[in-house]
PDB file of N, CA and C in Angstrom:
ATOM      1  N   MET A   1       0.779  -1.062  -0.076  1.00  0.00           N
ATOM      2  CA  MET A   1       0.208  -0.069  -0.047  1.00  0.00           C
ATOM      3  C   MET A   1       0.995   1.224  -0.160  1.00  0.00           C
ATOM      4  N   LYS A   2       1.866   1.033   0.640  1.00  0.00           N
ATOM      5  CA  LYS A   2       2.813   2.183   0.749  1.00  0.00           C
ATOM      6  C   LYS A   2       3.268   2.722  -0.487  1.00  0.00           C
ATOM      7  N   LYS A   3       3.805   1.855  -1.320  1.00  0.00           N
ATOM      8  CA  LYS A   3       3.978   1.924  -2.765  1.00  0.00           C
ATOM      9  C   LYS A   3       3.102   2.705  -3.594  1.00  0.00           C
ATOM     10  N   ASN A   4       1.792   2.200  -3.382  1.00  0.00           N
ATOM     11  CA  ASN A   4       0.612   3.049  -4.186  1.00  0.00           C
ATOM     12  C   ASN A   4       0.674   4.354  -3.697  1.00  0.00           C
ATOM     13  N   ILE A   5       0.583   4.503  -2.371  1.00  0.00           N
ATOM     14  CA  ILE A   5       0.807   6.163  -1.807  1.00  0.00           C
ATOM     15  C   ILE A   5       1.583   6.582  -2.851  1.00  0.00           C
ATOM     16  N   GLU A   6       3.021   6.696  -2.457  1.00  0.00           N
ATOM     17  CA  GLU A   6       3.984   7.171  -3.181  1.00  0.00           C
ATOM     18  C   GLU A   6       3.797   7.416  -4.769  1.00  0.00           C
ATOM     19  N   ALA A   7       3.198   6.415  -5.560  1.00  0.00           N
ATOM     20  CA  ALA A   7       2.997   6.554  -6.705  1.00  0.00           C
ATOM     21  C   ALA A   7       2.146   7.332  -6.888  1.00  0.00           C
ATOM     22  N   LEU A   8       1.425   7.891  -6.083  1.00  0.00           N
ATOM     23  CA  LEU A   8       0.364   9.203  -6.479  1.00  0.00           C
ATOM     24  C   LEU A   8       1.244  10.552  -7.105  1.00  0.00           C
ATOM     25  N   LEU A   9       2.256  10.408  -5.964  1.00  0.00           N
ATOM     26  CA  LEU A   9       3.367  11.535  -6.836  1.00  0.00           C
ATOM     27  C   LEU A   9       3.540  11.920  -7.855  1.00  0.00           C
ATOM     28  N   SER A  10       3.531  11.039  -8.605  1.00  0.00           N
ATOM     29  CA  SER A  10       4.072  10.538 -10.102  1.00  0.00           C
ATOM     30  C   SER A  10       3.071  11.287 -10.922  1.00  0.00           C
ATOM     31  N   GLU A  11       3.779  12.011 -12.022  1.00  0.00           N
ATOM     32  CA  GLU A  11       2.603  12.284 -13.167  1.00  0.00           C
ATOM     33  C   GLU A  11       2.237  11.000 -14.353  1.00  0.00           C
ATOM     34  N   ASP A  12       3.041  10.153 -13.945  1.00  0.00           N
ATOM     35  CA  ASP A  12       2.892   8.587 -14.605  1.00  0.00           C
ATOM     36  C   ASP A  12       1.748   7.789 -13.937  1.00  0.00           C
ATOM     37  N   THR A  13       0.793   8.566 -13.141  1.00  0.00           N
ATOM     38  CA  THR A  13      -0.023   7.649 -11.846  1.00  0.00           C
ATOM     39  C   THR A  13      -1.433   8.133 -12.148  1.00  0.00           C
ATOM     40  N   PHE A  14      -2.312   7.513 -12.175  1.00  0.00           N
ATOM     41  CA  PHE A  14      -3.870   7.396 -12.676  1.00  0.00           C
ATOM     42  C   PHE A  14      -4.417   6.580 -11.647  1.00  0.00           C
ATOM     43  N   THR A  15      -5.674   7.061 -11.045  1.00  0.00           N
ATOM     44  CA  THR A  15      -6.163   6.438  -9.775  1.00  0.00           C
ATOM     45  C   THR A  15      -7.538   5.906 -10.551  1.00  0.00           C
ATOM     46  N   ILE A  16      -7.584   4.764 -10.197  1.00  0.00           N
ATOM     47  CA  ILE A  16      -9.048   4.137 -10.244  1.00  0.00           C
ATOM     48  C   ILE A  16     -10.006   4.034  -9.382  1.00  0.00           C
ATOM     49  N   THR A  17     -10.816   4.839  -9.424  1.00  0.00           N
ATOM     50  CA  THR A  17     -11.734   5.148  -8.188  1.00  0.00           C
ATOM     51  C   THR A  17     -13.111   4.774  -8.281  1.00  0.00           C
ATOM     52  N   THR A  18     -13.623   4.701  -7.356  1.00  0.00           N
ATOM     53  CA  THR A  18     -14.983   3.805  -7.213  1.00  0.00           C
ATOM     54  C   THR A  18     -15.689   4.227  -5.998  1.00  0.00           C
ATOM     55  N   ALA A  19     -16.845   4.696  -5.539  1.00  0.00           N
ATOM     56  CA  ALA A  19     -17.100   5.063  -4.285  1.00  0.00           C
ATOM     57  C   ALA A  19     -18.581   4.446  -4.098  1.00  0.00           C
ATOM     58  N   HIS A  20     -18.961   4.108  -2.801  1.00  0.00           N
ATOM     59  CA  HIS A  20     -20.112   3.255  -2.295  1.00  0.00           C
ATOM     60  C   HIS A  20     -21.198   4.307  -0.987  1.00  0.00           C
ATOM     61  N   GLN A  21     -22.233   4.376  -1.333  1.00  0.00           N
ATOM     62  CA  GLN A  21     -22.959   5.247  -0.711  1.00  0.00           C
ATOM     63  C   GLN A  21     -23.819   4.126   0.455  1.00  0.00           C
ATOM     64  N   ASN A  22     -23.798   4.082   1.762  1.00  0.00           N
ATOM     65  CA  ASN A  22     -24.579   2.815   2.436  1.00  0.00           C
ATOM     66  C   ASN A  22     -25.953   3.074   1.860  1.00  0.00           C
ATOM     67  N   ASN A  23     -26.487   1.803   2.129  1.00  0.00           N
ATOM     68  CA  ASN A  23     -28.189   1.946   1.666  1.00  0.00           C
ATOM     69  C   ASN A  23     -28.787   0.635   1.647  1.00  0.00           C
ATOM     70  N   LEU A  24     -29.999   0.646   1.930  1.00  0.00           N
ATOM     71  CA  LEU A  24     -30.724  -0.570   2.054  1.00  0.00           C
ATOM     72  C   LEU A  24     -30.676  -1.673   0.978  1.00  0.00           C
ATOM     73  N   PHE A  25     -30.817  -1.393  -0.049  1.00  0.00           N
ATOM     74  CA  PHE A  25     -30.925  -2.445  -1.125  1.00  0.00           C
ATOM     75  C   PHE A  25     -29.230  -2.971  -1.884  1.00  0.00           C
ATOM     76  N   THR A  26     -28.218  -2.090  -1.510  1.00  0.00           N
ATOM     77  CA  THR A  26     -27.154  -2.816  -2.000  1.00  0.00           C
ATOM     78  C   THR A  26     -25.797  -2.982  -0.772  1.00  0.00           C
ATOM     79  N   GLY A  27     -26.076  -4.129  -0.747  1.00  0.00           N
ATOM     80  CA  GLY A  27     -25.309  -4.524   0.701  1.00  0.00           C
ATOM     81  C   GLY A  27     -24.358  -4.703   0.882  1.00  0.00           C
ATOM     82  N   PRO A  28     -23.278  -5.419   1.669  1.00  0.00           N
ATOM     83  CA  PRO A  28     -22.242  -6.049   1.392  1.00  0.00           C
ATOM     84  C   PRO A  28     -21.408  -6.552   0.575  1.00  0.00           C
ATOM     85  N   LEU A  29     -22.092  -7.698  -0.672  1.00  0.00           N
ATOM     86  CA  LEU A  29     -21.395  -8.348  -1.634  1.00  0.00           C
ATOM     87  C   LEU A  29     -21.105  -6.986  -2.521  1.00  0.00           C
ATOM     88  N   TYR A  30     -22.306  -6.126  -2.979  1.00  0.00           N
ATOM     89  CA  TYR A  30     -21.674  -5.176  -4.035  1.00  0.00           C
ATOM     90  C   TYR A  30     -20.837  -4.073  -3.692  1.00  0.00           C
ATOM     91  N   PHE A  31     -20.595  -4.170  -2.354  1.00  0.00           N
ATOM     92  CA  PHE A  31     -19.641  -3.164  -1.620  1.00  0.00           C
ATOM     93  C   PHE A  31     -18.252  -3.886  -2.450  1.00  0.00           C
ATOM     94  N   ILE A  32     -18.281  -5.327  -1.840  1.00  0.00           N
ATOM     95  CA  ILE A  32     -17.068  -6.506  -2.239  1.00  0.00           C
ATOM     96  C   ILE A  32     -16.789  -6.010  -3.639  1.00  0.00           C
ATOM     97  N   TYR A  33     -17.857  -6.558  -4.627  1.00  0.00           N
ATOM     98  CA  TYR A  33     -17.549  -6.664  -5.698  1.00  0.00           C
ATOM     99  C   TYR A  33     -16.748  -5.300  -6.338  1.00  0.00           C
ATOM    100  N   LYS A  34     -17.605  -4.079  -6.101  1.00  0.00           N
ATOM    101  CA  LYS A  34     -16.759  -2.512  -6.269  1.00  0.00           C
ATOM    102  C   LYS A  34     -15.314  -2.847  -6.080  1.00  0.00           C
ATOM    103  N   ILE A  35     -15.119  -3.083  -5.087  1.00  0.00           N
ATOM    104  CA  ILE A  35     -13.448  -3.127  -4.238  1.00  0.00           C
ATOM    105  C   ILE A  35     -12.984  -3.718  -5.241  1.00  0.00           C
ATOM    106  N   VAL A  36     -13.271  -5.299  -5.601  1.00  0.00           N
ATOM    107  CA  VAL A  36     -12.730  -5.758  -6.523  1.00  0.00           C
ATOM    108  C   VAL A  36     -12.326  -5.539  -7.797  1.00  0.00           C
ATOM    109  N   HIS A  37     -13.770  -5.213  -8.655  1.00  0.00           N
ATOM    110  CA  HIS A  37     -13.413  -4.337  -9.608  1.00  0.00           C
ATOM    111  C   HIS A  37     -12.369  -3.285  -9.899  1.00  0.00           C
ATOM    112  N   ALA A  38     -12.429  -2.444  -9.053  1.00  0.00           N
ATOM    113  CA  ALA A  38     -11.299  -1.351  -9.140  1.00  0.00           C
ATOM    114  C   ALA A  38      -9.795  -2.169  -9.215  1.00  0.00           C
ATOM    115  N   ILE A  39      -9.922  -3.212  -8.100  1.00  0.00           N
ATOM    116  CA  ILE A  39      -8.347  -3.827  -8.057  1.00  0.00           C
ATOM    117  C   ILE A  39      -7.911  -4.125  -9.181  1.00  0.00           C
ATOM    118  N   LYS A  40      -8.786  -5.179  -9.965  1.00  0.00           N
ATOM    119  CA  LYS A  40      -8.860  -5.817 -10.661  1.00  0.00           C
ATOM    120  C   LYS A  40      -8.846  -4.954 -12.311  1.00  0.00           C
ATOM    121  N   LEU A  41      -9.348  -3.716 -12.459  1.00  0.00           N
ATOM    122  CA  LEU A  41      -9.289  -2.677 -13.467  1.00  0.00           C
ATOM    123  C   LEU A  41      -8.027  -2.258 -13.245  1.00  0.00           C
ATOM    124  N   ALA A  42      -7.300  -1.682 -12.466  1.00  0.00           N
ATOM    125  CA  ALA A  42      -6.102  -1.316 -12.157  1.00  0.00           C
ATOM    126  C   ALA A  42      -4.761  -2.523 -12.714  1.00  0.00           C
ATOM    127  N   ASP A  43      -5.170  -3.512 -12.195  1.00  0.00           N
ATOM    128  CA  ASP A  43      -3.927  -4.676 -12.668  1.00  0.00           C
ATOM    129  C   ASP A  43      -4.311  -4.739 -14.376  1.00  0.00           C
ATOM    130  N   HIS A  44      -5.105  -4.591 -14.663  1.00  0.00           N
ATOM    131  CA  HIS A  44      -5.510  -4.736 -16.185  1.00  0.00           C
ATOM    132  C   HIS A  44      -4.883  -4.017 -16.806  1.00  0.00           C
ATOM    133  N   LEU A  45      -5.077  -2.594 -16.381  1.00  0.00           N
ATOM    134  CA  LEU A  45      -4.485  -1.174 -17.466  1.00  0.00           C
ATOM    135  C   LEU A  45      -3.306  -1.498 -16.903  1.00  0.00           C
ATOM    136  N   LYS A  46      -2.361  -1.685 -15.782  1.00  0.00           N
ATOM    137  CA  LYS A  46      -0.718  -1.586 -15.755  1.00  0.00           C
ATOM    138  C   LYS A  46      -0.454  -2.922 -16.829  1.00  0.00           C
ATOM    139  N   ASP A  47      -1.113  -3.748 -17.006  1.00  0.00           N
ATOM    140  CA  ASP A  47      -0.729  -4.663 -17.758  1.00  0.00           C
ATOM    141  C   ASP A  47      -0.715  -4.366 -19.347  1.00  0.00           C
ATOM    142  N   SER A  48      -1.675  -3.797 -19.845  1.00  0.00           N
ATOM    143  CA  SER A  48      -2.070  -3.092 -20.897  1.00  0.00           C
ATOM    144  C   SER A  48      -1.306  -1.645 -20.942  1.00  0.00           C
ATOM    145  N   LEU A  49      -0.742  -1.057 -20.165  1.00  0.00           N
ATOM    146  CA  LEU A  49      -0.006   0.276 -20.322  1.00  0.00           C
ATOM    147  C   LEU A  49       0.830   0.444 -19.535  1.00  0.00           C
ATOM    148  N   PRO A  50       2.215  -0.583 -19.566  1.00  0.00           N
ATOM    149  CA  PRO A  50       3.224  -0.830 -18.631  1.00  0.00           C
ATOM    150  C   PRO A  50       4.013   0.387 -18.091  1.00  0.00           C
ATOM    151  N   GLY A  51       3.992   1.289 -18.957  1.00  0.00           N
ATOM    152  CA  GLY A  51       4.507   2.714 -18.603  1.00  0.00           C
ATOM    153  C   GLY A  51       3.896   3.534 -17.805  1.00  0.00           C
ATOM    154  N   GLN A  52       2.665   3.439 -17.214  1.00  0.00           N
ATOM    155  CA  GLN A  52       1.811   4.225 -16.751  1.00  0.00           C
ATOM    156  C   GLN A  52       1.731   3.263 -15.348  1.00  0.00           C
ATOM    157  N   ASN A  53       1.280   4.212 -14.234  1.00  0.00           N
ATOM    158  CA  ASN A  53       0.768   3.600 -13.014  1.00  0.00           C
ATOM    159  C   ASN A  53      -0.516   3.532 -12.453  1.00  0.00           C
ATOM    160  N   PHE A  54      -0.985   2.831 -12.127  1.00  0.00           N
ATOM    161  CA  PHE A  54      -2.645   2.732 -11.781  1.00  0.00           C
ATOM    162  C   PHE A  54      -2.677   2.609 -10.367  1.00  0.00           C
ATOM    163  N   VAL A  55      -3.516   3.080  -9.662  1.00  0.00           N
ATOM    164  CA  VAL A  55      -3.920   2.975  -8.121  1.00  0.00           C
ATOM    165  C   VAL A  55      -5.161   2.762  -7.790  1.00  0.00           C
ATOM    166  N   PRO A  56      -5.957   1.735  -7.582  1.00  0.00           N
ATOM    167  CA  PRO A  56      -7.056   1.632  -7.214  1.00  0.00           C
ATOM    168  C   PRO A  56      -7.454   2.400  -5.533  1.00  0.00           C
ATOM    169  N   VAL A  57      -8.576   3.117  -5.953  1.00  0.00           N
ATOM    170  CA  VAL A  57      -8.982   3.964  -4.581  1.00  0.00           C
ATOM    171  C   VAL A  57     -10.328   3.889  -4.355  1.00  0.00           C
ATOM    172  N   PHE A  58     -10.741   3.716  -3.465  1.00  0.00           N
ATOM    173  CA  PHE A  58     -11.896   3.188  -2.820  1.00  0.00           C
ATOM    174  C   PHE A  58     -12.582   4.819  -1.871  1.00  0.00           C
ATOM    175  N   TYR A  59     -13.770   5.257  -2.310  1.00  0.00           N
ATOM    176  CA  TYR A  59     -14.183   5.857  -1.328  1.00  0.00           C
ATOM    177  C   TYR A  59     -15.569   5.663  -0.830  1.00  0.00           C
ATOM    178  N   ILE A  60     -16.026   5.760   0.514  1.00  0.00           N
ATOM    179  CA  ILE A  60     -17.127   5.640   1.162  1.00  0.00           C
ATOM    180  C   ILE A  60     -17.808   6.692   1.871  1.00  0.00           C
ATOM    181  N   GLY A  61     -19.172   6.939   1.005  1.00  0.00           N
ATOM    182  CA  GLY A  61     -19.609   7.666   1.657  1.00  0.00           C
ATOM    183  C   GLY A  61     -20.546   7.607   2.517  1.00  0.00           C
ATOM    184  N   SER A  62     -20.121   8.025   3.849  1.00  0.00           N
ATOM    185  CA  SER A  62     -20.684   7.877   5.254  1.00  0.00           C
ATOM    186  C   SER A  62     -21.743   9.104   5.490  1.00  0.00           C
ATOM    187  N   GLU A  63     -21.263  10.451   5.375  1.00  0.00           N
ATOM    188  CA  GLU A  63     -21.975  11.494   5.656  1.00  0.00           C
ATOM    189  C   GLU A  63     -22.970  10.877   6.912  1.00  0.00           C
ATOM    190  N   ASP A  64     -23.907  11.211   7.052  1.00  0.00           N
ATOM    191  CA  ASP A  64     -24.772  11.024   8.450  1.00  0.00           C
ATOM    192  C   ASP A  64     -25.670  10.188   8.586  1.00  0.00           C
ATOM    193  N   ALA A  65     -25.224   8.631   7.509  1.00  0.00           N
ATOM    194  CA  ALA A  65     -25.789   7.486   7.466  1.00  0.00           C
ATOM    195  C   ALA A  65     -25.585   6.504   8.433  1.00  0.00           C
ATOM    196  N   ASP A  66     -26.759   5.996   8.997  1.00  0.00           N
ATOM    197  CA  ASP A  66     -26.631   5.467  10.577  1.00  0.00           C
ATOM    198  C   ASP A  66     -27.597   4.412  10.151  1.00  0.00           C
ATOM    199  N   MET A  67     -27.506   3.382  11.240  1.00  0.00           N
ATOM    200  CA  MET A  67     -28.821   2.267  11.434  1.00  0.00           C
ATOM    201  C   MET A  67     -30.272   2.893  11.169  1.00  0.00           C
ATOM    202  N   ASP A  68     -30.697   3.946  11.912  1.00  0.00           N
ATOM    203  CA  ASP A  68     -31.622   4.507  11.955  1.00  0.00           C
ATOM    204  C   ASP A  68     -32.360   5.001  10.684  1.00  0.00           C
ATOM    205  N   GLU A  69     -31.044   5.053   9.819  1.00  0.00           N
ATOM    206  CA  GLU A  69     -31.521   5.384   8.387  1.00  0.00           C
ATOM    207  C   GLU A  69     -31.634   4.587   7.253  1.00  0.00           C
ATOM    208  N   LEU A  70     -30.708   3.233   7.933  1.00  0.00           N
ATOM    209  CA  LEU A  70     -30.461   2.441   6.597  1.00  0.00           C
ATOM    210  C   LEU A  70     -31.818   1.153   7.021  1.00  0.00           C
ATOM    211  N   ASN A  71     -32.414   1.054   8.367  1.00  0.00           N
ATOM    212  CA  ASN A  71     -32.557  -0.278   8.494  1.00  0.00           C
ATOM    213  C   ASN A  71     -34.308  -0.352   7.935  1.00  0.00           C
ATOM    214  N   HIS A  72     -34.789   0.690   7.573  1.00  0.00           N
ATOM    215  CA  HIS A  72     -35.886   0.698   7.104  1.00  0.00           C
ATOM    216  C   HIS A  72     -36.490   1.507   5.457  1.00  0.00           C
ATOM    217  N   ILE A  73     -37.622   1.090   5.117  1.00  0.00           N
ATOM    218  CA  ILE A  73     -37.603   2.000   4.214  1.00  0.00           C
ATOM    219  C   ILE A  73     -39.211   2.610   4.040  1.00  0.00           C
ATOM    220  N   SER A  74     -39.183   3.912   3.421  1.00  0.00           N
ATOM    221  CA  SER A  74     -40.701   4.501   3.677  1.00  0.00           C
ATOM    222  C   SER A  74     -41.548   4.409   1.766  1.00  0.00           C
ATOM    223  N   LEU A  75     -42.489   3.926   1.736  1.00  0.00           N
ATOM    224  CA  LEU A  75     -42.750   3.977   0.503  1.00  0.00           C
ATOM    225  C   LEU A  75     -44.338   4.625   0.793  1.00  0.00           C
ATOM    226  N   ASP A  76     -44.763   5.760  -0.054  1.00  0.00           N
ATOM    227  CA  ASP A  76     -45.928   6.336  -0.091  1.00  0.00           C
ATOM    228  C   ASP A  76     -45.936   6.521   1.870  1.00  0.00           C
ATOM    229  N   SER A  77     -45.041   7.128   2.381  1.00  0.00           N
ATOM    230  CA  SER A  77     -45.403   7.898   3.693  1.00  0.00           C
ATOM    231  C   SER A  77     -45.510   6.191   4.548  1.00  0.00           C
ATOM    232  N   GLU A  78     -45.263   5.390   4.154  1.00  0.00           N
ATOM    233  CA  GLU A  78     -45.681   4.472   5.070  1.00  0.00           C
ATOM    234  C   GLU A  78     -44.286   3.797   5.573  1.00  0.00           C
ATOM    235  N   ASN A  79     -44.327   3.163   6.631  1.00  0.00           N
ATOM    236  CA  ASN A  79     -42.628   2.378   6.811  1.00  0.00           C
ATOM    237  C   ASN A  79     -42.889   1.327   6.972  1.00  0.00           C
TER     238      ASN A  79
END
């Protein structure tokens, strides 16, 4: 990981960025899929473009989401 952080200082380094906002319908499996996909894409691009560096970056949007917001859904004002 330290190698990737140091590589970010290079003009030949690009980030492969994905993000996830916690919500009721896209649980842990999708979260993991997005992380793995970003890593695999960075590896694929490095193989395709060996003169460039690619660093996978994952951002999780947490804002003020908590279990009180994520544990239910309201449809037509009904819980």
